Amino acid sequence: MTLDSELEAVAQRFPIGERVRFFPIAGEVDSVPALVRSAPWRLGHGTIGIKITGRAGGVHVSHLEVI
């Protein structure tokens, strides 16, 4: 998977307005409901971030699950 296709796949999985569960600590069972509020973008070191409601800045997409 190329970098652009990976970003496109994340954008399709988490479109703006999508309801998600945000896991502040990866691997823990506690989650917070949220809505996606931005398109995903690639951080300088290559991982993908996205903005959600209730959080300033972006979060790593591995901490999200579609509801």
Protein backbone atom coordinates (compact mmCIF):
# COMPACT_ATOMS: atom_id res chain seq x y z
CA MET A 1 0.00 0.00 0.00
CA THR A 2 1.44 3.37 -0.97
CA LEU A 3 1.36 6.32 1.41
CA ASP A 4 -1.37 8.07 -0.60
CA SER A 5 -3.58 4.97 -0.80
CA GLU A 6 -3.23 4.45 2.96
CA LEU A 7 -4.37 8.02 3.60
CA GLU A 8 -7.29 7.57 1.19
CA ALA A 9 -8.32 4.35 2.95
CA VAL A 10 -8.34 6.13 6.33
CA ALA A 11 -10.41 8.98 4.84
CA GLN A 12 -12.98 6.44 3.62
CA ARG A 13 -13.08 4.63 6.96
CA PHE A 14 -13.35 7.84 9.00
CA PRO A 15 -15.28 10.44 6.94
CA ILE A 16 -16.08 13.81 8.51
CA GLY A 17 -19.12 13.42 10.76
CA GLU A 18 -18.55 9.68 11.40
CA ARG A 19 -19.34 8.52 14.95
CA VAL A 20 -16.32 6.90 16.59
CA ARG A 21 -15.06 5.61 19.90
CA PHE A 22 -11.82 7.26 21.01
CA PHE A 23 -9.54 5.19 23.22
CA PRO A 24 -7.26 7.69 25.04
CA ILE A 25 -4.97 4.82 26.06
CA ALA A 26 -4.48 2.26 23.31
CA GLY A 27 -5.36 -1.26 24.41
CA GLU A 28 -7.57 -0.16 27.31
CA VAL A 29 -11.33 -0.79 27.32
CA ASP A 30 -12.37 2.75 28.34
CA SER A 31 -13.47 4.87 25.40
CA VAL A 32 -15.12 8.22 24.73
CA PRO A 33 -17.73 8.76 21.99
CA ALA A 34 -16.78 11.42 19.46
CA LEU A 35 -17.32 12.64 15.90
CA VAL A 36 -14.66 12.97 13.22
CA ARG A 37 -14.21 16.66 12.43
CA SER A 38 -11.40 16.73 9.85
CA ALA A 39 -9.89 14.85 6.98
CA PRO A 40 -6.89 12.72 8.01
CA TRP A 41 -3.36 13.98 7.44
CA ARG A 42 0.08 12.50 7.64
CA LEU A 43 2.36 13.65 10.45
CA GLY A 44 6.01 14.47 9.79
CA HIS A 45 7.16 11.01 10.85
CA GLY A 46 4.57 9.26 8.65
CA THR A 47 1.73 8.25 10.96
CA ILE A 48 -1.83 9.45 10.33
CA GLY A 49 -3.73 11.86 12.56
CA ILE A 50 -7.32 13.08 12.52
CA LYS A 51 -9.33 15.63 14.52
CA ILE A 52 -12.30 14.54 16.63
CA THR A 53 -14.77 16.39 18.84
CA GLY A 54 -13.76 16.83 22.46
CA ARG A 55 -10.02 16.90 21.79
CA ALA A 56 -7.70 19.75 20.87
CA GLY A 57 -5.40 18.93 17.99
CA GLY A 58 -5.40 15.52 16.36
CA VAL A 59 -5.36 11.93 17.54
CA HIS A 60 -3.71 8.87 16.04
CA VAL A 61 -6.18 6.82 13.99
CA SER A 62 -5.18 3.62 15.78
CA HIS A 63 -7.01 5.01 18.84
CA LEU A 64 -10.33 5.17 16.93
CA GLU A 65 -13.07 2.64 16.22
CA VAL A 66 -16.19 3.30 14.13
CA ILE A 67 -19.40 2.97 16.17
